[in-house]
């Protein structure tokens, strides 16, 4: 009786091992497929990036966007300290921090575009 339970337990474990092995093989195949897709996507990204660098029309659009961002940064930098009267010190600090955060976000985007073009 105990031997039958042991044999049944072993059979169940073997079935689970078989199922897990099949799942592992499926996962490995999916990982190979995803790795292939990733390589293709990275190649496409590099192609687009190179196109942006070499196409003068694209460069001009990006340079104009960078110039506009520079102007926006300058305008917003001037506005950081021009906060309406009547706000509490805490409200003033919150407004100032929010404006500075926005300026930093624009600066980061501008740098990303400059990096894309390979401009210092």
Foldseek 3Di string as FASTA:
>chain_A
DVVVVVVVVVVVVVVVVVVVVVVVVVVVVVVVVVVVVVVVVVVVVVVVLVCCQPPVVNVVVLVVVLVVLVVVLVVLVVCLQVDDPDDDPVVNVVSSVVSVVVSVVSVVVSVVSCVSNVHD
